Each structure stands twice: as structure tokens, then as C-alpha cells.
């Protein structure tokens, strides 16, 4: 099945990419969740325009991504959460919470979809998160989870 990705799918591609996937994966997962649409000849023109816009934006954003990397690299960001006895959290720290804390601390606006967390953060203390600013540029941010 030939599909056009409308959102980034890890391991498959970026928005605007034309991919060939198994019928069941496309029909039961990608299309119902709005991650892709069926490929058509008319859709190919849309793909070309999305790719052109993305490439022009990527060139413009590379310098900006490197500036953000300089601002974020080595920063310590505090996230205040509710915690119970023994430092256990009520739930976990979400990437939206981390994005808000980074924006509040550094003033740099970071999209929550660019934050990579290896495991859910469910305890107080120091943690490391990676912010993918660009395909080639990423920054490691020290995260301090404190009770509040």
C-alpha cells in the first residue's frame, strides 16, 4: 500500500514522504490515526509542495537550531511536581511539563514533540532529557524534579 505521511512516524518517515507499507499497517494503524493518507496522483503535487516548504524551512532553521543548542546545552531545568512519601510522584513528568519548564528557564520556545525521554520520569531528583532541535542538532538538558 502506498501512503503519504501527514505526520512524522518514527522509523518510517517525515511529513510529505511517500512510503510503501503493508496493507494492514496502513489500513488499521496509519490512516485511522491521521498519520497518513492514501497516495494519489493529485496527492503527489501536495507532497512536492510539502517537501519544498520543509527543505526551505530546514535550511533556515539549522542556524537557529544551533543557537538554541548553545542556549540549552548544559542548562539545568527545575520541574516542580506533587510528590508523596519517599519521593514518589503522583503520576509522571510529561514532556509538556518539561517543555514548559525549559521555556520558563531559558526563554527558548521548545516543542514538546522534540523532547526525547528514555523512560517515564516517576521519581524526584536529577534526570537527563534530549531535545532534538533539528535532524543533525540535539541538546542534552539536565532536569531536576523537585517536590512542590
N, C-alpha and C. Protein backbone atom coordinates (compact mmCIF):
# COMPACT_ATOMS: atom_id res chain seq x y z
N UNK A 1 0.85 -1.17 0.00
CA UNK A 1 0.00 0.00 0.00
C UNK A 1 0.90 1.24 0.00
N UNK A 2 0.61 2.18 -0.87
CA UNK A 2 1.39 3.39 -0.99
C UNK A 2 0.66 4.51 -0.25
N UNK A 3 1.36 5.18 0.68
CA UNK A 3 0.75 6.22 1.51
C UNK A 3 1.61 7.47 1.51
N UNK A 4 0.96 8.59 1.82
CA UNK A 4 1.64 9.87 2.02
C UNK A 4 1.56 10.17 3.52
N UNK A 5 2.70 10.33 4.18
CA UNK A 5 2.70 10.62 5.61
C UNK A 5 2.28 12.06 5.85
N UNK A 6 1.38 12.27 6.80
CA UNK A 6 0.94 13.62 7.16
C UNK A 6 1.60 14.09 8.44
N UNK A 7 2.15 13.15 9.23
CA UNK A 7 2.88 13.47 10.45
C UNK A 7 4.12 12.60 10.50
N UNK A 8 5.07 12.96 11.35
CA UNK A 8 6.29 12.15 11.47
C UNK A 8 5.96 10.84 12.16
N UNK A 9 6.43 9.76 11.59
CA UNK A 9 6.28 8.42 12.16
C UNK A 9 7.68 7.87 12.36
N UNK A 10 8.02 7.57 13.62
CA UNK A 10 9.37 7.09 13.94
C UNK A 10 9.66 5.80 13.19
N UNK A 11 10.79 5.78 12.53
CA UNK A 11 11.21 4.60 11.80
C UNK A 11 10.62 4.48 10.41
N UNK A 12 9.73 5.40 10.05
CA UNK A 12 9.08 5.31 8.74
C UNK A 12 9.37 6.53 7.88
N UNK A 13 9.20 7.74 8.44
CA UNK A 13 9.47 8.93 7.65
C UNK A 13 8.89 10.19 8.25
N UNK A 14 9.05 11.27 7.53
CA UNK A 14 8.61 12.59 7.94
C UNK A 14 7.38 13.00 7.13
N UNK A 15 6.71 14.07 7.53
CA UNK A 15 5.55 14.53 6.77
C UNK A 15 5.91 14.82 5.31
N UNK A 16 5.06 14.34 4.40
CA UNK A 16 5.29 14.56 2.99
C UNK A 16 6.00 13.41 2.31
N UNK A 17 6.53 12.47 3.06
CA UNK A 17 7.21 11.32 2.46
C UNK A 17 6.18 10.34 1.90
N UNK A 18 6.50 9.75 0.76
CA UNK A 18 5.67 8.70 0.18
C UNK A 18 6.32 7.38 0.57
N UNK A 19 5.55 6.53 1.27
CA UNK A 19 6.10 5.28 1.77
C UNK A 19 5.25 4.11 1.30
N UNK A 20 5.90 2.96 1.20
CA UNK A 20 5.23 1.72 0.84
C UNK A 20 5.19 0.87 2.11
N UNK A 21 3.98 0.55 2.60
CA UNK A 21 3.82 -0.25 3.82
C UNK A 21 2.88 -1.41 3.55
N UNK A 22 2.86 -2.36 4.47
CA UNK A 22 1.94 -3.49 4.35
C UNK A 22 0.51 -2.98 4.49
N UNK A 23 -0.42 -3.65 3.81
CA UNK A 23 -1.81 -3.21 3.78
C UNK A 23 -2.42 -3.06 5.18
N UNK A 24 -2.22 -4.03 6.04
CA UNK A 24 -2.82 -4.00 7.37
C UNK A 24 -2.30 -2.85 8.21
N UNK A 25 -1.00 -2.58 8.15
CA UNK A 25 -0.40 -1.48 8.91
C UNK A 25 -0.96 -0.14 8.47
N UNK A 26 -1.09 0.03 7.16
CA UNK A 26 -1.64 1.28 6.65
C UNK A 26 -3.12 1.42 6.94
N UNK A 27 -3.88 0.37 6.67
CA UNK A 27 -5.34 0.43 6.81
C UNK A 27 -5.79 0.47 8.27
N UNK A 28 -5.09 -0.24 9.16
CA UNK A 28 -5.54 -0.36 10.55
C UNK A 28 -4.85 0.59 11.52
N UNK A 29 -3.71 1.13 11.17
CA UNK A 29 -2.97 1.98 12.10
C UNK A 29 -2.74 3.39 11.58
N UNK A 30 -2.07 3.51 10.44
CA UNK A 30 -1.65 4.84 9.97
C UNK A 30 -2.82 5.72 9.53
N UNK A 31 -3.69 5.20 8.68
CA UNK A 31 -4.79 6.02 8.15
C UNK A 31 -5.81 6.39 9.22
N UNK A 32 -6.29 5.44 10.07
CA UNK A 32 -7.28 5.83 11.08
C UNK A 32 -6.77 6.86 12.09
N UNK A 33 -5.48 6.84 12.39
CA UNK A 33 -4.92 7.77 13.36
C UNK A 33 -4.53 9.12 12.73
N UNK A 34 -4.73 9.25 11.44
CA UNK A 34 -4.43 10.51 10.76
C UNK A 34 -2.94 10.72 10.51
N UNK A 35 -2.16 9.66 10.58
CA UNK A 35 -0.73 9.77 10.34
C UNK A 35 -0.39 9.73 8.87
N UNK A 36 -1.31 9.23 8.05
CA UNK A 36 -1.05 9.11 6.61
C UNK A 36 -2.37 9.14 5.84
N UNK A 37 -2.25 9.43 4.54
CA UNK A 37 -3.39 9.35 3.63
C UNK A 37 -2.97 8.51 2.44
N UNK A 38 -3.95 8.00 1.72
CA UNK A 38 -3.65 7.18 0.54
C UNK A 38 -2.98 8.03 -0.53
N UNK A 39 -2.05 7.42 -1.25
CA UNK A 39 -1.35 8.11 -2.31
C UNK A 39 -2.22 8.16 -3.57
N UNK A 40 -2.28 9.33 -4.18
CA UNK A 40 -2.94 9.51 -5.47
C UNK A 40 -2.03 10.39 -6.33
N UNK A 41 -2.34 10.46 -7.63
CA UNK A 41 -1.53 11.33 -8.50
C UNK A 41 -1.69 12.80 -8.10
N UNK A 42 -2.91 13.18 -7.73
CA UNK A 42 -3.13 14.56 -7.29
C UNK A 42 -2.43 14.84 -5.97
N UNK A 43 -2.36 13.81 -5.14
CA UNK A 43 -1.67 13.96 -3.86
C UNK A 43 -0.18 14.14 -4.02
N UNK A 44 0.36 13.67 -5.13
CA UNK A 44 1.80 13.82 -5.38
C UNK A 44 2.19 15.29 -5.48
N UNK A 45 1.31 16.13 -6.05
CA UNK A 45 1.59 17.57 -6.11
C UNK A 45 1.66 18.16 -4.71
N UNK A 46 0.77 17.71 -3.83
CA UNK A 46 0.79 18.16 -2.44
C UNK A 46 2.09 17.74 -1.77
N UNK A 47 2.53 16.53 -2.04
CA UNK A 47 3.79 16.02 -1.48
C UNK A 47 4.95 16.90 -1.91
N UNK A 48 4.98 17.24 -3.18
CA UNK A 48 6.07 18.08 -3.69
C UNK A 48 6.09 19.45 -3.01
N UNK A 49 4.92 20.04 -2.79
CA UNK A 49 4.87 21.35 -2.14
C UNK A 49 5.26 21.25 -0.67
N UNK A 50 4.86 20.17 0.01
CA UNK A 50 5.25 19.98 1.41
C UNK A 50 6.76 19.82 1.53
N UNK A 51 7.35 19.04 0.63
CA UNK A 51 8.80 18.83 0.67
C UNK A 51 9.56 20.11 0.37
N UNK A 52 9.06 20.91 -0.58
CA UNK A 52 9.73 22.17 -0.89
C UNK A 52 9.69 23.12 0.30
N UNK A 53 8.54 23.21 0.95
CA UNK A 53 8.41 24.08 2.12
C UNK A 53 9.29 23.58 3.26
N UNK A 54 9.34 22.25 3.45
CA UNK A 54 10.13 21.68 4.53
C UNK A 54 11.62 21.90 4.30
N UNK A 55 12.08 21.76 3.06
CA UNK A 55 13.50 21.94 2.79
C UNK A 55 13.91 23.40 2.96
N UNK A 56 13.07 24.34 2.54
CA UNK A 56 13.42 25.75 2.73
C UNK A 56 13.40 26.12 4.20
N UNK A 57 12.46 25.53 4.95
CA UNK A 57 12.38 25.79 6.39
C UNK A 57 13.56 25.15 7.11
N UNK A 58 14.00 23.97 6.67
CA UNK A 58 15.11 23.27 7.32
C UNK A 58 16.41 24.06 7.17
N UNK A 59 16.65 24.61 6.00
CA UNK A 59 17.86 25.40 5.79
C UNK A 59 17.83 26.63 6.68
N UNK A 60 16.69 27.26 6.78
CA UNK A 60 16.56 28.46 7.59
C UNK A 60 16.68 28.12 9.08
N UNK A 61 16.22 26.94 9.49
CA UNK A 61 16.19 26.58 10.90
C UNK A 61 17.50 25.99 11.42
N UNK A 62 18.41 25.60 10.55
CA UNK A 62 19.65 24.98 11.02
C UNK A 62 20.45 25.95 11.88
N UNK A 63 20.61 27.16 11.43
CA UNK A 63 21.33 28.17 12.22
C UNK A 63 20.63 28.46 13.52
N UNK A 64 19.31 28.56 13.46
CA UNK A 64 18.52 28.80 14.67
C UNK A 64 18.62 27.61 15.63
N UNK A 65 18.64 26.40 15.10
CA UNK A 65 18.77 25.20 15.94
C UNK A 65 20.12 25.19 16.65
N UNK A 66 21.17 25.61 15.97
CA UNK A 66 22.48 25.65 16.61
C UNK A 66 22.54 26.71 17.70
N UNK A 67 21.84 27.84 17.49
CA UNK A 67 21.77 28.86 18.53
C UNK A 67 21.03 28.32 19.75
N UNK A 68 19.90 27.63 19.52
CA UNK A 68 19.15 27.03 20.62
C UNK A 68 19.98 25.97 21.34
N UNK A 69 20.75 25.21 20.59
CA UNK A 69 21.60 24.19 21.21
C UNK A 69 22.58 24.86 22.17
N UNK A 70 23.17 25.96 21.76
CA UNK A 70 24.09 26.68 22.63
C UNK A 70 23.41 27.19 23.89
N UNK A 71 22.14 27.61 23.75
CA UNK A 71 21.40 28.11 24.92
C UNK A 71 20.96 26.99 25.84
N UNK A 72 20.64 25.82 25.28
CA UNK A 72 20.10 24.73 26.09
C UNK A 72 21.17 23.81 26.65
N UNK A 73 22.25 23.60 25.90
CA UNK A 73 23.27 22.64 26.31
C UNK A 73 23.83 23.01 27.67
N UNK A 74 23.79 22.09 28.59
CA UNK A 74 24.35 22.33 29.92
C UNK A 74 23.43 23.05 30.88
N UNK A 75 22.24 23.42 30.44
CA UNK A 75 21.28 24.10 31.32
C UNK A 75 20.68 23.11 32.31
N UNK A 76 20.38 23.58 33.51
CA UNK A 76 19.66 22.78 34.49
C UNK A 76 18.27 23.38 34.63
N UNK A 77 17.26 22.55 34.40
CA UNK A 77 15.88 23.00 34.42
C UNK A 77 15.17 22.33 35.59
N UNK A 78 14.47 23.12 36.39
CA UNK A 78 13.71 22.58 37.52
C UNK A 78 12.26 22.40 37.14
N UNK A 79 11.72 21.22 37.45
CA UNK A 79 10.30 20.92 37.24
C UNK A 79 9.70 20.63 38.61
N UNK A 80 8.68 21.39 38.99
CA UNK A 80 8.03 21.20 40.28
C UNK A 80 6.80 20.32 40.10
N UNK A 81 6.74 19.24 40.91
CA UNK A 81 5.63 18.29 40.81
C UNK A 81 5.14 17.93 42.20
N UNK A 82 3.94 17.36 42.26
CA UNK A 82 3.42 16.85 43.53
C UNK A 82 4.04 15.49 43.80
N UNK A 83 4.52 15.31 45.03
CA UNK A 83 5.16 14.04 45.37
C UNK A 83 4.67 13.58 46.74
N UNK A 84 4.67 12.27 46.93
CA UNK A 84 4.23 11.69 48.18
C UNK A 84 5.41 11.30 49.05
N UNK A 85 5.16 10.42 50.00
CA UNK A 85 6.19 9.93 50.91
C UNK A 85 7.29 9.22 50.12
N UNK A 86 8.52 9.43 50.51
CA UNK A 86 9.64 8.73 49.88
C UNK A 86 10.01 9.25 48.50
N UNK A 87 9.48 10.37 48.09
CA UNK A 87 9.85 10.96 46.80
C UNK A 87 9.14 10.37 45.61
N UNK A 88 8.09 9.58 45.82
CA UNK A 88 7.34 9.03 44.69
C UNK A 88 6.37 10.08 44.17
N UNK A 89 6.29 10.17 42.85
CA UNK A 89 5.41 11.15 42.22
C UNK A 89 4.00 10.61 42.07
N UNK A 90 3.04 11.52 42.02
CA UNK A 90 1.67 11.17 41.68
C UNK A 90 1.58 11.23 40.16
N UNK A 91 1.85 10.12 39.49
CA UNK A 91 1.89 10.10 38.03
C UNK A 91 3.33 10.19 37.57
N UNK A 92 3.57 10.90 36.48
CA UNK A 92 4.92 11.07 35.97
C UNK A 92 5.06 12.47 35.39
N UNK A 93 6.29 12.84 35.10
CA UNK A 93 6.57 14.14 34.49
C UNK A 93 6.36 13.99 32.99
N UNK A 94 5.47 14.79 32.42
CA UNK A 94 5.18 14.69 30.99
C UNK A 94 6.14 15.57 30.19
N UNK A 95 6.20 15.30 28.89
CA UNK A 95 7.05 16.12 28.03
C UNK A 95 6.50 17.54 27.93
N UNK A 96 5.20 17.71 28.11
CA UNK A 96 4.63 19.07 28.12
C UNK A 96 5.13 19.85 29.33
N UNK A 97 5.23 19.19 30.48
CA UNK A 97 5.78 19.84 31.68
C UNK A 97 7.23 20.24 31.46
N UNK A 98 7.98 19.35 30.82
CA UNK A 98 9.39 19.63 30.56
C UNK A 98 9.53 20.80 29.59
N UNK A 99 8.70 20.83 28.54
CA UNK A 99 8.75 21.92 27.56
C UNK A 99 8.42 23.25 28.22
N UNK A 100 7.41 23.27 29.10
CA UNK A 100 7.06 24.50 29.83
C UNK A 100 8.22 24.96 30.69
N UNK A 101 8.86 24.04 31.40
CA UNK A 101 9.97 24.39 32.28
C UNK A 101 11.16 24.92 31.48
N UNK A 102 11.45 24.32 30.34
CA UNK A 102 12.55 24.80 29.50
C UNK A 102 12.26 26.20 29.00
N UNK A 103 11.02 26.43 28.56
CA UNK A 103 10.64 27.75 28.07
C UNK A 103 10.73 28.79 29.18
N UNK A 104 10.27 28.42 30.39
CA UNK A 104 10.31 29.36 31.51
C UNK A 104 11.75 29.66 31.94
N UNK A 105 12.62 28.67 31.92
CA UNK A 105 14.00 28.85 32.39
C UNK A 105 14.86 29.58 31.37
N UNK A 106 14.82 29.15 30.12
CA UNK A 106 15.73 29.70 29.11
C UNK A 106 15.10 30.78 28.25
N UNK A 107 13.79 30.81 28.16
CA UNK A 107 13.12 31.75 27.27
C UNK A 107 13.03 31.24 25.84
N UNK A 108 13.64 30.08 25.57
CA UNK A 108 13.60 29.49 24.24
C UNK A 108 12.37 28.59 24.13
N UNK A 109 11.56 28.82 23.12
CA UNK A 109 10.36 28.03 22.93
C UNK A 109 10.74 26.67 22.33
N UNK A 110 10.35 25.59 23.03
CA UNK A 110 10.68 24.24 22.59
C UNK A 110 9.38 23.47 22.42
N UNK A 111 9.23 22.80 21.28
CA UNK A 111 8.05 22.00 21.03
C UNK A 111 8.15 20.69 21.80
N UNK A 112 7.05 20.28 22.42
CA UNK A 112 7.08 19.07 23.24
C UNK A 112 7.36 17.81 22.43
N UNK A 113 7.08 17.84 21.13
CA UNK A 113 7.32 16.67 20.29
C UNK A 113 8.80 16.45 20.01
N UNK A 114 9.63 17.45 20.31
CA UNK A 114 11.07 17.32 20.06
C UNK A 114 11.82 16.79 21.27
N UNK A 115 11.13 16.62 22.40
CA UNK A 115 11.78 16.16 23.63
C UNK A 115 11.76 14.64 23.67
N UNK A 116 12.93 14.03 23.89
CA UNK A 116 13.06 12.59 23.94
C UNK A 116 13.38 12.18 25.38
N UNK A 117 12.50 11.35 25.95
CA UNK A 117 12.70 10.84 27.30
C UNK A 117 12.81 9.32 27.19
N UNK A 118 13.92 8.77 27.70
CA UNK A 118 14.16 7.33 27.58
C UNK A 118 13.11 6.51 28.33
N UNK A 119 12.90 6.84 29.59
CA UNK A 119 11.91 6.15 30.41
C UNK A 119 11.04 7.20 31.08
N UNK A 120 9.80 6.84 31.45
CA UNK A 120 8.96 7.80 32.16
C UNK A 120 9.63 8.26 33.46
N UNK A 121 9.54 9.54 33.73
CA UNK A 121 10.17 10.10 34.93
C UNK A 121 9.14 10.04 36.05
N UNK A 122 9.40 9.15 37.03
CA UNK A 122 8.45 8.93 38.12
C UNK A 122 9.08 9.10 39.49
N UNK A 123 10.24 9.76 39.55
CA UNK A 123 10.89 9.96 40.84
C UNK A 123 11.53 11.34 40.88
N UNK A 124 11.74 11.82 42.11
CA UNK A 124 12.40 13.10 42.30
C UNK A 124 13.88 12.94 42.00
N UNK A 125 14.55 14.05 41.75
CA UNK A 125 16.00 14.01 41.55
C UNK A 125 16.41 14.47 40.17
N UNK A 126 17.64 14.14 39.83
CA UNK A 126 18.23 14.60 38.57
C UNK A 126 18.00 13.57 37.46
N UNK A 127 17.65 14.06 36.29
CA UNK A 127 17.42 13.24 35.11
C UNK A 127 18.00 13.96 33.90
N UNK A 128 18.21 13.24 32.81
CA UNK A 128 18.70 13.81 31.56
C UNK A 128 17.64 13.64 30.48
N UNK A 129 17.39 14.69 29.71
CA UNK A 129 16.50 14.59 28.56
C UNK A 129 17.22 15.17 27.35
N UNK A 130 16.84 14.68 26.18
CA UNK A 130 17.44 15.14 24.92
C UNK A 130 16.38 15.91 24.15
N UNK A 131 16.75 17.07 23.64
CA UNK A 131 15.87 17.88 22.81
C UNK A 131 16.41 17.85 21.39
N UNK A 132 15.64 17.25 20.47
CA UNK A 132 16.05 17.18 19.06
C UNK A 132 15.58 18.46 18.38
N UNK A 133 16.51 19.37 18.15
CA UNK A 133 16.18 20.67 17.59
C UNK A 133 16.11 20.63 16.06
N UNK A 134 16.87 19.73 15.47
CA UNK A 134 16.96 19.60 14.02
C UNK A 134 17.40 18.18 13.74
N UNK A 135 17.38 17.75 12.49
CA UNK A 135 17.82 16.40 12.17
C UNK A 135 19.24 16.12 12.65
N UNK A 136 20.11 17.12 12.56
CA UNK A 136 21.51 16.95 12.90
C UNK A 136 21.90 17.58 14.24
N UNK A 137 20.99 18.31 14.88
CA UNK A 137 21.32 19.06 16.08
C UNK A 137 20.42 18.63 17.23
N UNK A 138 21.05 18.24 18.34
CA UNK A 138 20.29 17.93 19.54
C UNK A 138 21.05 18.46 20.75
N UNK A 139 20.31 18.72 21.83
CA UNK A 139 20.90 19.26 23.05
C UNK A 139 20.47 18.40 24.23
N UNK A 140 21.40 18.17 25.16
CA UNK A 140 21.09 17.44 26.37
C UNK A 140 20.85 18.44 27.49
N UNK A 141 19.72 18.28 28.16
CA UNK A 141 19.32 19.20 29.22
C UNK A 141 19.24 18.42 30.53
N UNK A 142 19.84 18.97 31.59
CA UNK A 142 19.74 18.35 32.92
C UNK A 142 18.40 18.77 33.52
N UNK A 143 17.66 17.80 33.99
CA UNK A 143 16.33 18.05 34.53
C UNK A 143 16.32 17.71 36.01
N UNK A 144 15.92 18.67 36.84
CA UNK A 144 15.81 18.47 38.27
C UNK A 144 14.33 18.40 38.63
N UNK A 145 13.87 17.28 39.14
CA UNK A 145 12.48 17.14 39.54
C UNK A 145 12.42 17.39 41.03
N UNK A 146 11.71 18.44 41.43
CA UNK A 146 11.63 18.84 42.84
C UNK A 146 10.18 18.81 43.32
N UNK A 147 9.97 18.50 44.61
CA UNK A 147 8.59 18.47 45.13
C UNK A 147 8.03 19.89 45.26
N UNK A 148 6.73 20.00 45.06
CA UNK A 148 6.15 21.33 45.12
C UNK A 148 4.86 21.42 45.81
